[in-house]
Amino acid sequence: MDASSNTNLSLLNQQASSLDTSRIEALARTGNRSKIREAAENFESMFLSEMVKPMFEGLSSDGMFKGGYAEDVFNSMLVQEYGKSLSQSGGIGLADMIERQLLNLQEVA
């Protein structure tokens, strides 16, 4: 496993722990709609980042700086920002579905 994979894996683990399902269910029960929406958008952002990531894996670093660890870190952050940007500009509707389901959980509880 290379450094880029390790960095991406640790970032994914951090995001997954921040979106713990028990925490999400607790948010649904409290009725705080803005936090529910934020959690749904964060999840969609993470999902879109993982979908965009393969587009950058095959690119070579033949430019002036010749790649390296710093470029791997930069590319990882760039992919995350692309995911956030895609999610905030309407995304693919995943955040809307997650928000609806969490609100339904709130009504049931």
PDB file of N, CA and C in Angstrom:
ATOM      1  N   MET A   1       0.837  -1.168   0.000  1.00  0.00           N
ATOM      2  CA  MET A   1       0.000   0.000   0.000  1.00  0.00           C
ATOM      3  C   MET A   1       0.888   1.240   0.000  1.00  0.00           C
ATOM      4  N   ASP A   2       0.629   2.200  -0.885  1.00  0.00           N
ATOM      5  CA  ASP A   2       1.461   3.389  -0.954  1.00  0.00           C
ATOM      6  C   ASP A   2       0.970   4.460   0.024  1.00  0.00           C
ATOM      7  N   ALA A   3       1.715   5.555   0.121  1.00  0.00           N
ATOM      8  CA  ALA A   3       1.405   6.621   1.075  1.00  0.00           C
ATOM      9  C   ALA A   3       0.057   7.260   0.785  1.00  0.00           C
ATOM     10  N   SER A   4      -0.272   7.400  -0.496  1.00  0.00           N
ATOM     11  CA  SER A   4      -1.552   7.996  -0.869  1.00  0.00           C
ATOM     12  C   SER A   4      -2.714   7.146  -0.380  1.00  0.00           C
ATOM     13  N   SER A   5      -2.602   5.842  -0.531  1.00  0.00           N
ATOM     14  CA  SER A   5      -3.654   4.942  -0.073  1.00  0.00           C
ATOM     15  C   SER A   5      -3.808   5.002   1.434  1.00  0.00           C
ATOM     16  N   ASN A   6      -2.679   5.052   2.153  1.00  0.00           N
ATOM     17  CA  ASN A   6      -2.730   5.145   3.611  1.00  0.00           C
ATOM     18  C   ASN A   6      -3.391   6.441   4.057  1.00  0.00           C
ATOM     19  N   THR A   7      -3.041   7.549   3.394  1.00  0.00           N
ATOM     20  CA  THR A   7      -3.629   8.841   3.734  1.00  0.00           C
ATOM     21  C   THR A   7      -5.130   8.821   3.474  1.00  0.00           C
ATOM     22  N   ASN A   8      -5.524   8.317   2.290  1.00  0.00           N
ATOM     23  CA  ASN A   8      -6.943   8.265   1.951  1.00  0.00           C
ATOM     24  C   ASN A   8      -7.709   7.362   2.902  1.00  0.00           C
ATOM     25  N   LEU A   9      -7.110   6.242   3.277  1.00  0.00           N
ATOM     26  CA  LEU A   9      -7.767   5.310   4.187  1.00  0.00           C
ATOM     27  C   LEU A   9      -7.962   5.943   5.559  1.00  0.00           C
ATOM     28  N   SER A  10      -6.954   6.655   6.051  1.00  0.00           N
ATOM     29  CA  SER A  10      -7.102   7.284   7.365  1.00  0.00           C
ATOM     30  C   SER A  10      -8.135   8.400   7.324  1.00  0.00           C
ATOM     31  N   LEU A  11      -8.178   9.159   6.234  1.00  0.00           N
ATOM     32  CA  LEU A  11      -9.193  10.210   6.099  1.00  0.00           C
ATOM     33  C   LEU A  11     -10.583   9.613   6.024  1.00  0.00           C
ATOM     34  N   LEU A  12     -10.729   8.518   5.315  1.00  0.00           N
ATOM     35  CA  LEU A  12     -12.017   7.843   5.212  1.00  0.00           C
ATOM     36  C   LEU A  12     -12.464   7.317   6.566  1.00  0.00           C
ATOM     37  N   ASN A  13     -11.525   6.759   7.334  1.00  0.00           N
ATOM     38  CA  ASN A  13     -11.856   6.274   8.673  1.00  0.00           C
ATOM     39  C   ASN A  13     -12.293   7.404   9.584  1.00  0.00           C
ATOM     40  N   GLN A  14     -11.639   8.578   9.467  1.00  0.00           N
ATOM     41  CA  GLN A  14     -12.027   9.732  10.272  1.00  0.00           C
ATOM     42  C   GLN A  14     -13.440  10.178   9.911  1.00  0.00           C
ATOM     43  N   GLN A  15     -13.740  10.220   8.606  1.00  0.00           N
ATOM     44  CA  GLN A  15     -15.068  10.642   8.178  1.00  0.00           C
ATOM     45  C   GLN A  15     -16.117   9.628   8.597  1.00  0.00           C
ATOM     46  N   ALA A  16     -15.794   8.369   8.488  1.00  0.00           N
ATOM     47  CA  ALA A  16     -16.757   7.331   8.866  1.00  0.00           C
ATOM     48  C   ALA A  16     -17.045   7.392  10.356  1.00  0.00           C
ATOM     49  N   SER A  17     -16.018   7.636  11.165  1.00  0.00           N
ATOM     50  CA  SER A  17     -16.262   7.714  12.609  1.00  0.00           C
ATOM     51  C   SER A  17     -17.070   8.952  12.955  1.00  0.00           C
ATOM     52  N   SER A  18     -16.915  10.029  12.171  1.00  0.00           N
ATOM     53  CA  SER A  18     -17.697  11.229  12.444  1.00  0.00           C
ATOM     54  C   SER A  18     -19.146  11.051  12.013  1.00  0.00           C
ATOM     55  N   LEU A  19     -19.429  10.059  11.186  1.00  0.00           N
ATOM     56  CA  LEU A  19     -20.790   9.793  10.743  1.00  0.00           C
ATOM     57  C   LEU A  19     -21.315   8.486  11.335  1.00  0.00           C
ATOM     58  N   ASP A  20     -20.962   8.232  12.577  1.00  0.00           N
ATOM     59  CA  ASP A  20     -21.386   7.036  13.276  1.00  0.00           C
ATOM     60  C   ASP A  20     -22.909   6.917  13.225  1.00  0.00           C
ATOM     61  N   THR A  21     -23.411   5.729  12.916  1.00  0.00           N
ATOM     62  CA  THR A  21     -24.854   5.552  12.732  1.00  0.00           C
ATOM     63  C   THR A  21     -25.637   5.848  13.999  1.00  0.00           C
ATOM     64  N   SER A  22     -25.095   5.534  15.153  1.00  0.00           N
ATOM     65  CA  SER A  22     -25.823   5.838  16.388  1.00  0.00           C
ATOM     66  C   SER A  22     -25.954   7.343  16.568  1.00  0.00           C
ATOM     67  N   ARG A  23     -24.933   8.075  16.161  1.00  0.00           N
ATOM     68  CA  ARG A  23     -24.979   9.534  16.237  1.00  0.00           C
ATOM     69  C   ARG A  23     -26.034  10.074  15.281  1.00  0.00           C
ATOM     70  N   ILE A  24     -26.098   9.508  14.082  1.00  0.00           N
ATOM     71  CA  ILE A  24     -27.076   9.961  13.102  1.00  0.00           C
ATOM     72  C   ILE A  24     -28.495   9.677  13.584  1.00  0.00           C
ATOM     73  N   GLU A  25     -28.699   8.490  14.148  1.00  0.00           N
ATOM     74  CA  GLU A  25     -30.022   8.161  14.665  1.00  0.00           C
ATOM     75  C   GLU A  25     -30.399   9.072  15.829  1.00  0.00           C
ATOM     76  N   ALA A  26     -29.420   9.420  16.665  1.00  0.00           N
ATOM     77  CA  ALA A  26     -29.690  10.335  17.775  1.00  0.00           C
ATOM     78  C   ALA A  26     -30.083  11.707  17.247  1.00  0.00           C
ATOM     79  N   LEU A  27     -29.405  12.161  16.180  1.00  0.00           N
ATOM     80  CA  LEU A  27     -29.769  13.438  15.567  1.00  0.00           C
ATOM     81  C   LEU A  27     -31.196  13.402  15.036  1.00  0.00           C
ATOM     82  N   ALA A  28     -31.581  12.289  14.454  1.00  0.00           N
ATOM     83  CA  ALA A  28     -32.930  12.167  13.909  1.00  0.00           C
ATOM     84  C   ALA A  28     -33.966  12.267  15.024  1.00  0.00           C
ATOM     85  N   ARG A  29     -33.656  11.743  16.186  1.00  0.00           N
ATOM     86  CA  ARG A  29     -34.607  11.775  17.301  1.00  0.00           C
ATOM     87  C   ARG A  29     -34.689  13.153  17.953  1.00  0.00           C
ATOM     88  N   THR A  30     -33.621  13.925  17.908  1.00  0.00           N
ATOM     89  CA  THR A  30     -33.625  15.226  18.559  1.00  0.00           C
ATOM     90  C   THR A  30     -34.419  16.261  17.774  1.00  0.00           C
ATOM     91  N   GLY A  31     -34.546  16.066  16.490  1.00  0.00           N
ATOM     92  CA  GLY A  31     -35.324  17.002  15.692  1.00  0.00           C
ATOM     93  C   GLY A  31     -34.536  18.191  15.191  1.00  0.00           C
ATOM     94  N   ASN A  32     -33.227  18.175  15.314  1.00  0.00           N
ATOM     95  CA  ASN A  32     -32.408  19.277  14.842  1.00  0.00           C
ATOM     96  C   ASN A  32     -32.174  19.107  13.349  1.00  0.00           C
ATOM     97  N   ARG A  33     -33.047  19.696  12.566  1.00  0.00           N
ATOM     98  CA  ARG A  33     -33.047  19.490  11.118  1.00  0.00           C
ATOM     99  C   ARG A  33     -31.753  19.963  10.446  1.00  0.00           C
ATOM    100  N   SER A  34     -31.160  21.046  10.929  1.00  0.00           N
ATOM    101  CA  SER A  34     -29.937  21.546  10.289  1.00  0.00           C
ATOM    102  C   SER A  34     -28.780  20.561  10.468  1.00  0.00           C
ATOM    103  N   LYS A  35     -28.701  19.912  11.622  1.00  0.00           N
ATOM    104  CA  LYS A  35     -27.645  18.926  11.840  1.00  0.00           C
ATOM    105  C   LYS A  35     -27.907  17.661  11.025  1.00  0.00           C
ATOM    106  N   ILE A  36     -29.163  17.312  10.869  1.00  0.00           N
ATOM    107  CA  ILE A  36     -29.507  16.160  10.028  1.00  0.00           C
ATOM    108  C   ILE A  36     -29.080  16.441   8.595  1.00  0.00           C
ATOM    109  N   ARG A  37     -29.392  17.634   8.105  1.00  0.00           N
ATOM    110  CA  ARG A  37     -29.019  18.004   6.734  1.00  0.00           C
ATOM    111  C   ARG A  37     -27.500  18.006   6.572  1.00  0.00           C
ATOM    112  N   GLU A  38     -26.795  18.537   7.575  1.00  0.00           N
ATOM    113  CA  GLU A  38     -25.331  18.582   7.521  1.00  0.00           C
ATOM    114  C   GLU A  38     -24.742  17.173   7.455  1.00  0.00           C
ATOM    115  N   ALA A  39     -25.256  16.261   8.265  1.00  0.00           N
ATOM    116  CA  ALA A  39     -24.765  14.877   8.257  1.00  0.00           C
ATOM    117  C   ALA A  39     -25.044  14.225   6.907  1.00  0.00           C
ATOM    118  N   ALA A  40     -26.213  14.476   6.334  1.00  0.00           N
ATOM    119  CA  ALA A  40     -26.560  13.901   5.029  1.00  0.00           C
ATOM    120  C   ALA A  40     -25.646  14.448   3.939  1.00  0.00           C
ATOM    121  N   GLU A  41     -25.377  15.747   3.965  1.00  0.00           N
ATOM    122  CA  GLU A  41     -24.496  16.348   2.958  1.00  0.00           C
ATOM    123  C   GLU A  41     -23.059  15.863   3.123  1.00  0.00           C
ATOM    124  N   ASN A  42     -22.610  15.686   4.371  1.00  0.00           N
ATOM    125  CA  ASN A  42     -21.261  15.163   4.598  1.00  0.00           C
ATOM    126  C   ASN A  42     -21.127  13.753   4.042  1.00  0.00           C
ATOM    127  N   PHE A  43     -22.153  12.945   4.228  1.00  0.00           N
ATOM    128  CA  PHE A  43     -22.107  11.586   3.702  1.00  0.00           C
ATOM    129  C   PHE A  43     -22.078  11.601   2.176  1.00  0.00           C
ATOM    130  N   GLU A  44     -22.927  12.434   1.560  1.00  0.00           N
ATOM    131  CA  GLU A  44     -22.933  12.521   0.099  1.00  0.00           C
ATOM    132  C   GLU A  44     -21.590  13.028  -0.414  1.00  0.00           C
ATOM    133  N   SER A  45     -21.010  13.990   0.277  1.00  0.00           N
ATOM    134  CA  SER A  45     -19.705  14.519  -0.100  1.00  0.00           C
ATOM    135  C   SER A  45     -18.643  13.430  -0.072  1.00  0.00           C
ATOM    136  N   MET A  46     -18.640  12.619   0.994  1.00  0.00           N
ATOM    137  CA  MET A  46     -17.676  11.530   1.115  1.00  0.00           C
ATOM    138  C   MET A  46     -17.893  10.502  -0.007  1.00  0.00           C
ATOM    139  N   PHE A  47     -19.157  10.180  -0.290  1.00  0.00           N
ATOM    140  CA  PHE A  47     -19.485   9.225  -1.342  1.00  0.00           C
ATOM    141  C   PHE A  47     -19.004   9.735  -2.704  1.00  0.00           C
ATOM    142  N   LEU A  48     -19.284  11.000  -3.001  1.00  0.00           N
ATOM    143  CA  LEU A  48     -18.859  11.564  -4.289  1.00  0.00           C
ATOM    144  C   LEU A  48     -17.340  11.645  -4.396  1.00  0.00           C
ATOM    145  N   SER A  49     -16.661  11.927  -3.292  1.00  0.00           N
ATOM    146  CA  SER A  49     -15.192  11.947  -3.305  1.00  0.00           C
ATOM    147  C   SER A  49     -14.650  10.579  -3.680  1.00  0.00           C
ATOM    148  N   GLU A  50     -15.239   9.529  -3.110  1.00  0.00           N
ATOM    149  CA  GLU A  50     -14.795   8.171  -3.433  1.00  0.00           C
ATOM    150  C   GLU A  50     -15.101   7.821  -4.893  1.00  0.00           C
ATOM    151  N   MET A  51     -16.145   8.382  -5.452  1.00  0.00           N
ATOM    152  CA  MET A  51     -16.480   8.123  -6.850  1.00  0.00           C
ATOM    153  C   MET A  51     -15.539   8.866  -7.797  1.00  0.00           C
ATOM    154  N   VAL A  52     -15.070  10.039  -7.396  1.00  0.00           N
ATOM    155  CA  VAL A  52     -14.196  10.866  -8.234  1.00  0.00           C
ATOM    156  C   VAL A  52     -12.738  10.406  -8.150  1.00  0.00           C
ATOM    157  N   LYS A  53     -12.354   9.822  -7.029  1.00  0.00           N
ATOM    158  CA  LYS A  53     -10.956   9.452  -6.777  1.00  0.00           C
ATOM    159  C   LYS A  53     -10.311   8.619  -7.892  1.00  0.00           C
ATOM    160  N   PRO A  54     -10.980   7.619  -8.467  1.00  0.00           N
ATOM    161  CA  PRO A  54     -10.320   6.819  -9.512  1.00  0.00           C
ATOM    162  C   PRO A  54      -9.908   7.621 -10.751  1.00  0.00           C
ATOM    163  N   MET A  55     -10.530   8.762 -10.986  1.00  0.00           N
ATOM    164  CA  MET A  55     -10.147   9.581 -12.141  1.00  0.00           C
ATOM    165  C   MET A  55      -8.726  10.112 -12.020  1.00  0.00           C
ATOM    166  N   PHE A  56      -8.236  10.245 -10.802  1.00  0.00           N
ATOM    167  CA  PHE A  56      -6.915  10.820 -10.586  1.00  0.00           C
ATOM    168  C   PHE A  56      -5.835   9.775 -10.344  1.00  0.00           C
ATOM    169  N   GLU A  57      -6.201   8.531 -10.146  1.00  0.00           N
ATOM    170  CA  GLU A  57      -5.221   7.505  -9.807  1.00  0.00           C
ATOM    171  C   GLU A  57      -4.281   7.159 -10.957  1.00  0.00           C
ATOM    172  N   GLY A  58      -4.717   7.284 -12.181  1.00  0.00           N
ATOM    173  CA  GLY A  58      -3.880   6.904 -13.308  1.00  0.00           C
ATOM    174  C   GLY A  58      -3.039   8.025 -13.881  1.00  0.00           C
ATOM    175  N   LEU A  59      -3.124   9.224 -13.321  1.00  0.00           N
ATOM    176  CA  LEU A  59      -2.377  10.357 -13.849  1.00  0.00           C
ATOM    177  C   LEU A  59      -0.913  10.274 -13.462  1.00  0.00           C
ATOM    178  N   SER A  60      -0.046  10.559 -14.428  1.00  0.00           N
ATOM    179  CA  SER A  60       1.390  10.544 -14.129  1.00  0.00           C
ATOM    180  C   SER A  60       1.839  11.936 -13.700  1.00  0.00           C
ATOM    181  N   SER A  61       2.961  11.982 -13.021  1.00  0.00           N
ATOM    182  CA  SER A  61       3.517  13.246 -12.536  1.00  0.00           C
ATOM    183  C   SER A  61       4.818  13.531 -13.264  1.00  0.00           C
ATOM    184  N   ASP A  62       4.706  13.890 -14.518  1.00  0.00           N
ATOM    185  CA  ASP A  62       5.902  14.153 -15.311  1.00  0.00           C
ATOM    186  C   ASP A  62       6.242  15.633 -15.376  1.00  0.00           C
ATOM    187  N   GLY A  63       5.524  16.443 -14.637  1.00  0.00           N
ATOM    188  CA  GLY A  63       5.720  17.883 -14.683  1.00  0.00           C
ATOM    189  C   GLY A  63       6.988  18.341 -14.006  1.00  0.00           C
ATOM    190  N   MET A  64       7.054  19.613 -13.755  1.00  0.00           N
ATOM    191  CA  MET A  64       8.233  20.236 -13.189  1.00  0.00           C
ATOM    192  C   MET A  64       8.538  19.707 -11.782  1.00  0.00           C
ATOM    193  N   PHE A  65       7.517  19.357 -11.001  1.00  0.00           N
ATOM    194  CA  PHE A  65       7.731  18.971  -9.612  1.00  0.00           C
ATOM    195  C   PHE A  65       7.862  17.467  -9.403  1.00  0.00           C
ATOM    196  N   LYS A  66       7.597  16.663 -10.390  1.00  0.00           N
ATOM    197  CA  LYS A  66       7.805  15.213 -10.381  1.00  0.00           C
ATOM    198  C   LYS A  66       7.046  14.459  -9.293  1.00  0.00           C
ATOM    199  N   GLY A  67       5.917  14.962  -8.853  1.00  0.00           N
ATOM    200  CA  GLY A  67       5.081  14.230  -7.900  1.00  0.00           C
ATOM    201  C   GLY A  67       5.669  14.156  -6.515  1.00  0.00           C
ATOM    202  N   GLY A  68       5.517  13.024  -5.878  1.00  0.00           N
ATOM    203  CA  GLY A  68       6.015  12.823  -4.524  1.00  0.00           C
ATOM    204  C   GLY A  68       4.879  12.822  -3.516  1.00  0.00           C
ATOM    205  N   TYR A  69       5.269  12.740  -2.249  1.00  0.00           N
ATOM    206  CA  TYR A  69       4.295  12.647  -1.168  1.00  0.00           C
ATOM    207  C   TYR A  69       3.396  13.885  -1.101  1.00  0.00           C
ATOM    208  N   ALA A  70       3.981  15.071  -1.256  1.00  0.00           N
ATOM    209  CA  ALA A  70       3.202  16.308  -1.163  1.00  0.00           C
ATOM    210  C   ALA A  70       2.117  16.349  -2.241  1.00  0.00           C
ATOM    211  N   GLU A  71       2.446  15.892  -3.425  1.00  0.00           N
ATOM    212  CA  GLU A  71       1.444  15.891  -4.493  1.00  0.00           C
ATOM    213  C   GLU A  71       0.337  14.879  -4.198  1.00  0.00           C
ATOM    214  N   ASP A  72       0.685  13.750  -3.609  1.00  0.00           N
ATOM    215  CA  ASP A  72      -0.327  12.763  -3.221  1.00  0.00           C
ATOM    216  C   ASP A  72      -1.293  13.343  -2.192  1.00  0.00           C
ATOM    217  N   VAL A  73      -0.748  14.057  -1.218  1.00  0.00           N
ATOM    218  CA  VAL A  73      -1.582  14.688  -0.194  1.00  0.00           C
ATOM    219  C   VAL A  73      -2.468  15.754  -0.827  1.00  0.00           C
ATOM    220  N   PHE A  74      -1.876  16.569  -1.711  1.00  0.00           N
ATOM    221  CA  PHE A  74      -2.644  17.612  -2.384  1.00  0.00           C
ATOM    222  C   PHE A  74      -3.775  17.004  -3.210  1.00  0.00           C
ATOM    223  N   ASN A  75      -3.479  15.952  -3.961  1.00  0.00           N
ATOM    224  CA  ASN A  75      -4.517  15.311  -4.782  1.00  0.00           C
ATOM    225  C   ASN A  75      -5.632  14.740  -3.922  1.00  0.00           C
ATOM    226  N   SER A  76      -5.282  14.182  -2.778  1.00  0.00           N
ATOM    227  CA  SER A  76      -6.284  13.648  -1.859  1.00  0.00           C
ATOM    228  C   SER A  76      -7.211  14.760  -1.364  1.00  0.00           C
ATOM    229  N   MET A  77      -6.625  15.891  -0.985  1.00  0.00           N
ATOM    230  CA  MET A  77      -7.431  17.024  -0.521  1.00  0.00           C
ATOM    231  C   MET A  77      -8.265  17.597  -1.658  1.00  0.00           C
ATOM    232  N   LEU A  78      -7.704  17.629  -2.864  1.00  0.00           N
ATOM    233  CA  LEU A  78      -8.423  18.137  -4.028  1.00  0.00           C
ATOM    234  C   LEU A  78      -9.641  17.278  -4.318  1.00  0.00           C
ATOM    235  N   VAL A  79      -9.498  15.972  -4.244  1.00  0.00           N
ATOM    236  CA  VAL A  79     -10.620  15.067  -4.477  1.00  0.00           C
ATOM    237  C   VAL A  79     -11.704  15.284  -3.429  1.00  0.00           C
ATOM    238  N   GLN A  80     -11.309  15.491  -2.168  1.00  0.00           N
ATOM    239  CA  GLN A  80     -12.291  15.767  -1.117  1.00  0.00           C
ATOM    240  C   GLN A  80     -13.052  17.059  -1.408  1.00  0.00           C
ATOM    241  N   GLU A  81     -12.348  18.070  -1.856  1.00  0.00           N
ATOM    242  CA  GLU A  81     -12.996  19.344  -2.162  1.00  0.00           C
ATOM    243  C   GLU A  81     -13.926  19.217  -3.367  1.00  0.00           C
ATOM    244  N   TYR A  82     -13.531  18.410  -4.346  1.00  0.00           N
ATOM    245  CA  TYR A  82     -14.435  18.157  -5.472  1.00  0.00           C
ATOM    246  C   TYR A  82     -15.722  17.499  -4.978  1.00  0.00           C
ATOM    247  N   GLY A  83     -15.600  16.547  -4.075  1.00  0.00           N
ATOM    248  CA  GLY A  83     -16.773  15.892  -3.511  1.00  0.00           C
ATOM    249  C   GLY A  83     -17.672  16.876  -2.780  1.00  0.00           C
ATOM    250  N   LYS A  84     -17.069  17.749  -1.965  1.00  0.00           N
ATOM    251  CA  LYS A  84     -17.846  18.766  -1.252  1.00  0.00           C
ATOM    252  C   LYS A  84     -18.539  19.707  -2.226  1.00  0.00           C
ATOM    253  N   SER A  85     -17.803  20.141  -3.229  1.00  0.00           N
ATOM    254  CA  SER A  85     -18.359  21.069  -4.210  1.00  0.00           C
ATOM    255  C   SER A  85     -19.520  20.442  -4.976  1.00  0.00           C
ATOM    256  N   LEU A  86     -19.341  19.189  -5.392  1.00  0.00           N
ATOM    257  CA  LEU A  86     -20.421  18.501  -6.097  1.00  0.00           C
ATOM    258  C   LEU A  86     -21.652  18.347  -5.213  1.00  0.00           C
ATOM    259  N   SER A  87     -21.437  18.021  -3.966  1.00  0.00           N
ATOM    260  CA  SER A  87     -22.543  17.839  -3.032  1.00  0.00           C
ATOM    261  C   SER A  87     -23.273  19.158  -2.779  1.00  0.00           C
ATOM    262  N   GLN A  88     -22.527  20.237  -2.592  1.00  0.00           N
ATOM    263  CA  GLN A  88     -23.129  21.532  -2.294  1.00  0.00           C
ATOM    264  C   GLN A  88     -23.837  22.143  -3.496  1.00  0.00           C
ATOM    265  N   SER A  89     -23.465  21.718  -4.691  1.00  0.00           N
ATOM    266  CA  SER A  89     -24.109  22.269  -5.885  1.00  0.00           C
ATOM    267  C   SER A  89     -25.254  21.395  -6.386  1.00  0.00           C
ATOM    268  N   GLY A  90     -25.817  20.607  -5.504  1.00  0.00           N
ATOM    269  CA  GLY A  90     -26.974  19.799  -5.874  1.00  0.00           C
ATOM    270  C   GLY A  90     -26.712  18.315  -5.788  1.00  0.00           C
ATOM    271  N   GLY A  91     -25.478  17.916  -5.964  1.00  0.00           N
ATOM    272  CA  GLY A  91     -25.104  16.511  -5.837  1.00  0.00           C
ATOM    273  C   GLY A  91     -25.899  15.589  -6.742  1.00  0.00           C
ATOM    274  N   ILE A  92     -26.127  14.377  -6.244  1.00  0.00           N
ATOM    275  CA  ILE A  92     -26.856  13.381  -7.018  1.00  0.00           C
ATOM    276  C   ILE A  92     -28.165  12.999  -6.337  1.00  0.00           C
ATOM    277  N   GLY A  93     -28.536  13.771  -5.314  1.00  0.00           N
ATOM    278  CA  GLY A  93     -29.782  13.516  -4.614  1.00  0.00           C
ATOM    279  C   GLY A  93     -29.656  12.581  -3.429  1.00  0.00           C
ATOM    280  N   LEU A  94     -28.460  12.117  -3.156  1.00  0.00           N
ATOM    281  CA  LEU A  94     -28.252  11.192  -2.051  1.00  0.00           C
ATOM    282  C   LEU A  94     -28.521  11.867  -0.708  1.00  0.00           C
ATOM    283  N   ALA A  95     -28.074  13.111  -0.539  1.00  0.00           N
ATOM    284  CA  ALA A  95     -28.293  13.830   0.723  1.00  0.00           C
ATOM    285  C   ALA A  95     -29.780  14.013   0.985  1.00  0.00           C
ATOM    286  N   ASP A  96     -30.549  14.289  -0.055  1.00  0.00           N
ATOM    287  CA  ASP A  96     -31.998  14.450   0.109  1.00  0.00           C
ATOM    288  C   ASP A  96     -32.649  13.162   0.588  1.00  0.00           C
ATOM    289  N   MET A  97     -32.236  12.043   0.012  1.00  0.00           N
ATOM    290  CA  MET A  97     -32.806  10.753   0.415  1.00  0.00           C
ATOM    291  C   MET A  97     -32.426  10.400   1.849  1.00  0.00           C
ATOM    292  N   ILE A  98     -31.165  10.645   2.207  1.00  0.00           N
ATOM    293  CA  ILE A  98     -30.716  10.353   3.565  1.00  0.00           C
ATOM    294  C   ILE A  98     -31.458  11.231   4.564  1.00  0.00           C
ATOM    295  N   GLU A  99     -31.604  12.511   4.235  1.00  0.00           N
ATOM    296  CA  GLU A  99     -32.333  13.421   5.125  1.00  0.00           C
ATOM    297  C   GLU A  99     -33.776  12.959   5.316  1.00  0.00           C
ATOM    298  N   ARG A 100     -34.427  12.569   4.242  1.00  0.00           N
ATOM    299  CA  ARG A 100     -35.804  12.075   4.330  1.00  0.00           C
ATOM    300  C   ARG A 100     -35.900  10.855   5.236  1.00  0.00           C
ATOM    301  N   GLN A 101     -34.963   9.926   5.070  1.00  0.00           N
ATOM    302  CA  GLN A 101     -34.982   8.716   5.888  1.00  0.00           C
ATOM    303  C   GLN A 101     -34.735   9.030   7.364  1.00  0.00           C
ATOM    304  N   LEU A 102     -33.819   9.948   7.641  1.00  0.00           N
ATOM    305  CA  LEU A 102     -33.559  10.316   9.025  1.00  0.00           C
ATOM    306  C   LEU A 102     -34.754  11.005   9.650  1.00  0.00           C
ATOM    307  N   LEU A 103     -35.448  11.831   8.879  1.00  0.00           N
ATOM    308  CA  LEU A 103     -36.655  12.471   9.392  1.00  0.00           C
ATOM    309  C   LEU A 103     -37.759  11.458   9.623  1.00  0.00           C
ATOM    310  N   ASN A 104     -37.836  10.433   8.761  1.00  0.00           N
ATOM    311  CA  ASN A 104     -38.807   9.352   8.970  1.00  0.00           C
ATOM    312  C   ASN A 104     -38.494   8.586  10.245  1.00  0.00           C
ATOM    313  N   LEU A 105     -37.203   8.372  10.528  1.00  0.00           N
ATOM    314  CA  LEU A 105     -36.796   7.729  11.780  1.00  0.00           C
ATOM    315  C   LEU A 105     -37.255   8.542  12.976  1.00  0.00           C
ATOM    316  N   GLN A 106     -37.182   9.855  12.830  1.00  0.00           N
ATOM    317  CA  GLN A 106     -37.583  10.734  13.910  1.00  0.00           C
ATOM    318  C   GLN A 106     -39.077  10.608  14.190  1.00  0.00           C
ATOM    319  N   GLU A 107     -39.885  10.500  13.146  1.00  0.00           N
ATOM    320  CA  GLU A 107     -41.323  10.362  13.325  1.00  0.00           C
ATOM    321  C   GLU A 107     -41.703   9.040  13.971  1.00  0.00           C
ATOM    322  N   VAL A 108     -40.971   7.980  13.642  1.00  0.00           N
ATOM    323  CA  VAL A 108     -41.247   6.654  14.169  1.00  0.00           C
ATOM    324  C   VAL A 108     -40.879   6.565  15.639  1.00  0.00           C
ATOM    325  N   ALA A 109     -39.759   7.212  15.994  1.00  0.00           N
ATOM    326  CA  ALA A 109     -39.250   7.085  17.377  1.00  0.00           C
ATOM    327  C   ALA A 109     -40.095   7.818  18.378  1.00  0.00           C
TER     328      ALA A 109
END
